[in-house]
N, C-alpha and C. Protein backbone atom coordinates (compact mmCIF):
# COMPACT_ATOMS: atom_id res chain seq x y z
N MET A 1 -7.65 15.19 8.26
CA MET A 1 -6.28 15.64 8.38
C MET A 1 -5.59 14.87 6.98
N THR A 2 -4.83 15.97 6.45
CA THR A 2 -4.05 15.72 5.31
C THR A 2 -2.61 15.30 5.40
N LEU A 3 -2.22 14.32 5.03
CA LEU A 3 -0.64 13.84 5.33
C LEU A 3 -0.05 13.94 4.08
N GLU A 4 1.15 14.30 4.14
CA GLU A 4 2.23 14.34 2.97
C GLU A 4 2.17 12.83 2.30
N PRO A 5 2.11 12.71 1.15
CA PRO A 5 2.49 11.41 0.36
C PRO A 5 3.86 10.67 0.73
N VAL A 6 3.95 9.19 0.74
CA VAL A 6 5.14 8.66 1.11
C VAL A 6 5.92 8.59 -0.10
N ALA A 7 7.23 9.31 -0.27
CA ALA A 7 7.89 9.16 -1.34
C ALA A 7 8.63 7.84 -1.58
N PRO A 8 8.52 7.24 -2.80
CA PRO A 8 9.32 5.62 -3.06
C PRO A 8 10.59 5.75 -2.48
N ASP A 9 11.38 6.81 -2.54
CA ASP A 9 12.70 6.64 -2.16
C ASP A 9 12.85 7.12 -0.59
N ASP A 10 11.69 7.16 0.14
CA ASP A 10 11.96 7.44 1.64
C ASP A 10 12.47 6.33 1.93
N PRO A 11 13.54 6.42 2.97
CA PRO A 11 14.47 5.34 3.56
C PRO A 11 13.56 4.36 4.52
N ARG A 12 12.64 4.77 5.12
CA ARG A 12 11.58 3.86 5.80
C ARG A 12 11.05 2.62 4.97
N MET A 13 10.98 2.88 3.82
CA MET A 13 10.32 1.73 2.87
C MET A 13 11.27 0.56 2.59
N ARG A 14 12.62 0.67 3.36
CA ARG A 14 13.42 -0.39 3.08
C ARG A 14 13.23 -1.34 4.41
N ASP A 15 12.34 -0.83 5.57
CA ASP A 15 12.18 -1.65 6.57
C ASP A 15 10.85 -2.50 6.64
N TYR A 16 10.17 -2.45 5.42
CA TYR A 16 8.82 -3.09 5.47
C TYR A 16 9.42 -4.66 4.96
N THR A 17 8.78 -5.70 5.65
CA THR A 17 8.95 -7.21 5.40
C THR A 17 7.90 -7.52 4.77
N ARG A 18 8.10 -8.75 4.06
CA ARG A 18 6.85 -9.52 3.45
C ARG A 18 5.62 -9.70 4.27
N PRO A 19 5.77 -10.36 5.17
CA PRO A 19 4.41 -10.29 6.17
C PRO A 19 3.87 -9.14 6.49
N GLN A 20 4.51 -7.79 6.91
CA GLN A 20 3.93 -6.65 6.77
C GLN A 20 3.21 -6.01 5.60
N ILE A 21 3.83 -6.43 4.49
CA ILE A 21 3.20 -5.92 3.27
C ILE A 21 1.98 -6.59 2.92
N THR A 22 2.05 -8.24 3.37
CA THR A 22 1.09 -8.89 3.09
C THR A 22 -0.13 -8.42 4.15
N ALA A 23 0.23 -7.89 5.26
CA ALA A 23 -1.07 -7.31 6.00
C ALA A 23 -1.45 -6.10 5.54
N LEU A 24 -0.68 -5.26 5.14
CA LEU A 24 -1.20 -4.04 4.33
C LEU A 24 -2.15 -4.18 3.33
N LEU A 25 -1.60 -5.25 2.47
CA LEU A 25 -2.59 -5.78 1.32
C LEU A 25 -3.83 -6.06 1.69
N GLY A 26 -3.89 -6.86 2.79
CA GLY A 26 -5.16 -7.19 3.45
C GLY A 26 -6.07 -6.02 3.65
N GLU A 27 -5.49 -4.96 4.52
CA GLU A 27 -6.20 -3.74 4.78
C GLU A 27 -6.77 -3.32 3.34
N LEU A 28 -5.77 -3.11 2.68
CA LEU A 28 -6.03 -2.23 1.05
C LEU A 28 -7.09 -3.09 0.66
N HIS A 29 -7.34 -4.27 0.67
CA HIS A 29 -8.34 -5.22 0.14
C HIS A 29 -9.74 -4.91 0.79
N ARG A 30 -9.45 -4.88 2.07
CA ARG A 30 -10.75 -4.45 3.00
C ARG A 30 -11.62 -3.12 2.71
N LEU A 31 -10.44 -2.17 2.80
CA LEU A 31 -10.94 -0.73 2.59
C LEU A 31 -11.29 -0.47 1.00
N GLY A 32 -10.35 -0.99 0.25
CA GLY A 32 -11.01 -0.63 -1.24
C GLY A 32 -12.00 -1.49 -1.82
N LEU A 33 -12.33 -2.60 -1.34
CA LEU A 33 -13.45 -3.10 -1.66
C LEU A 33 -15.00 -2.24 -1.92
N PRO A 34 -15.24 -1.52 -1.07
CA PRO A 34 -16.56 -0.79 -1.66
C PRO A 34 -16.31 0.30 -2.42
N TYR A 35 -15.12 0.44 -3.08
CA TYR A 35 -14.53 1.50 -4.01
C TYR A 35 -14.44 0.85 -5.47
N GLY A 36 -14.56 -0.60 -5.24
CA GLY A 36 -13.77 -1.32 -6.39
C GLY A 36 -12.75 -1.59 -6.85
N LEU A 37 -11.91 -1.30 -5.70
CA LEU A 37 -10.23 -1.32 -5.84
C LEU A 37 -10.02 -3.08 -5.49
N LEU A 38 -9.60 -3.75 -6.37
CA LEU A 38 -9.50 -5.20 -6.32
C LEU A 38 -8.25 -5.45 -6.70
N TRP A 39 -7.28 -6.11 -5.86
CA TRP A 39 -6.18 -6.81 -6.24
C TRP A 39 -6.06 -8.04 -5.62
N GLY A 40 -6.97 -8.98 -5.88
CA GLY A 40 -6.84 -10.42 -5.56
C GLY A 40 -5.39 -11.01 -5.70
N SER A 41 -4.87 -10.64 -6.52
CA SER A 41 -3.58 -11.25 -6.89
C SER A 41 -2.18 -10.58 -6.10
N ALA A 42 -2.67 -9.47 -5.73
CA ALA A 42 -1.27 -8.46 -4.99
C ALA A 42 -0.79 -9.24 -3.75
N CYS A 43 0.60 -9.09 -3.81
CA CYS A 43 1.49 -9.47 -2.80
C CYS A 43 2.68 -9.01 -2.82
N ALA A 44 3.29 -9.37 -1.68
CA ALA A 44 4.79 -9.02 -1.69
C ALA A 44 5.63 -9.42 -2.73
N GLY A 45 6.27 -8.60 -3.55
CA GLY A 45 6.71 -8.93 -4.75
C GLY A 45 8.09 -9.69 -4.64
N GLU A 46 8.89 -10.47 -5.56
CA GLU A 46 9.91 -10.87 -5.36
C GLU A 46 10.89 -9.98 -5.75
N THR A 47 10.62 -8.94 -6.51
CA THR A 47 11.71 -7.75 -6.83
C THR A 47 12.04 -6.99 -5.69
N ILE A 48 13.20 -6.77 -5.87
CA ILE A 48 13.83 -5.76 -5.05
C ILE A 48 14.54 -4.65 -5.61
N LEU A 49 14.12 -3.36 -5.54
CA LEU A 49 14.85 -2.20 -6.22
C LEU A 49 15.44 -1.22 -5.22
N ASP A 50 16.81 -1.13 -5.35
CA ASP A 50 17.58 -0.39 -4.46
C ASP A 50 17.32 -0.67 -3.09
N GLY A 51 17.02 -1.97 -2.66
CA GLY A 51 16.89 -2.31 -1.26
C GLY A 51 15.45 -2.22 -0.66
N ARG A 52 14.71 -1.99 -1.52
CA ARG A 52 13.20 -2.07 -1.42
C ARG A 52 12.30 -2.87 -1.97
N LEU A 53 11.59 -3.53 -1.06
CA LEU A 53 10.75 -4.58 -1.85
C LEU A 53 9.74 -3.92 -2.44
N LEU A 54 9.12 -4.48 -3.69
CA LEU A 54 7.99 -4.27 -4.61
C LEU A 54 6.92 -4.76 -4.24
N VAL A 55 5.64 -4.20 -4.39
CA VAL A 55 4.38 -4.86 -4.02
C VAL A 55 4.09 -5.22 -5.65
N ASP A 56 3.63 -6.53 -5.69
CA ASP A 56 3.27 -7.04 -7.04
C ASP A 56 1.87 -6.88 -7.34
N PHE A 57 1.79 -5.65 -7.69
CA PHE A 57 0.52 -5.32 -8.75
C PHE A 57 0.73 -4.15 -9.51
N GLY A 58 1.57 -4.73 -10.59
CA GLY A 58 2.71 -3.89 -11.41
C GLY A 58 3.86 -3.37 -10.66
N ASN A 59 4.37 -4.16 -9.99
CA ASN A 59 5.72 -3.62 -9.37
C ASN A 59 5.73 -2.16 -8.77
N ALA A 60 4.76 -2.21 -7.91
CA ALA A 60 4.54 -0.71 -7.32
C ALA A 60 5.41 -0.70 -6.16
N PRO A 61 5.99 0.46 -5.70
CA PRO A 61 6.91 0.52 -4.46
C PRO A 61 5.86 0.35 -3.27
N VAL A 62 6.24 0.03 -2.11
CA VAL A 62 5.33 0.00 -0.95
C VAL A 62 4.92 1.60 -0.53
N SER A 63 5.60 2.54 -1.07
CA SER A 63 4.88 3.73 -0.86
C SER A 63 3.63 4.02 -1.50
N THR A 64 3.62 3.27 -2.54
CA THR A 64 2.38 3.30 -3.52
C THR A 64 1.23 2.84 -2.75
N LEU A 65 1.43 1.63 -2.05
CA LEU A 65 0.41 0.85 -1.07
C LEU A 65 0.10 1.83 0.03
N LEU A 66 1.14 2.30 0.54
CA LEU A 66 0.85 3.33 1.79
C LEU A 66 0.13 4.68 1.62
N ASN A 67 0.19 4.97 0.20
CA ASN A 67 -0.34 6.22 -0.01
C ASN A 67 -1.98 6.08 -0.44
N LEU A 68 -2.23 4.56 -0.94
CA LEU A 68 -3.40 4.28 -1.31
C LEU A 68 -4.23 4.03 0.03
N LEU A 69 -3.53 3.27 0.82
CA LEU A 69 -4.07 3.13 2.27
C LEU A 69 -4.75 4.16 2.77
N GLN A 70 -3.81 5.33 2.82
CA GLN A 70 -3.99 6.68 3.44
C GLN A 70 -5.25 7.25 3.08
N LEU A 71 -5.35 7.20 1.63
CA LEU A 71 -6.49 7.78 0.92
C LEU A 71 -7.57 7.16 1.46
N LEU A 72 -7.63 5.74 1.34
CA LEU A 72 -8.78 5.07 1.93
C LEU A 72 -9.06 5.35 3.22
N ARG A 73 -8.15 5.20 4.08
CA ARG A 73 -8.40 5.75 5.70
C ARG A 73 -9.01 6.98 5.82
N ASN A 74 -8.73 8.11 4.90
CA ASN A 74 -9.39 9.27 4.93
C ASN A 74 -10.72 9.26 4.42
N LEU A 75 -10.86 8.69 3.66
CA LEU A 75 -12.41 8.30 3.09
C LEU A 75 -13.18 7.93 4.31
N GLU A 76 -12.69 6.83 4.67
CA GLU A 76 -13.51 5.87 5.96
C GLU A 76 -13.55 6.87 6.84
N GLY A 77 -12.50 7.75 7.59
CA GLY A 77 -12.96 8.49 8.62
C GLY A 77 -13.83 9.77 8.30
N SER A 78 -13.93 10.02 7.16
CA SER A 78 -14.70 11.40 6.52
C SER A 78 -16.41 10.76 6.50
N GLY A 79 -16.48 9.27 6.67
CA GLY A 79 -18.07 8.87 6.84
C GLY A 79 -18.38 8.64 5.54
N ARG A 80 -17.57 8.58 4.31
CA ARG A 80 -17.74 8.16 2.79
C ARG A 80 -17.66 6.81 2.74
N GLY A 81 -18.38 6.10 2.15
CA GLY A 81 -18.12 4.73 1.70
C GLY A 81 -19.18 3.92 2.33
């Protein structure tokens, strides 16, 4: 199943809280580890841009985190990994 990427300016990005982002980062770490995707210091950032929290691995928007997770979930679901 192919989903459209989440846009950084998607209004739903304003609803994510620090605990939710922390949980998503945990999933990213778990799913990304077999592929060498390591962001041990990633966390919900202190920076807010236009009402949206940024994820602190280069101040990426939450949409980047969600899109990375979707790619990894697709890989896991296809039996690769």
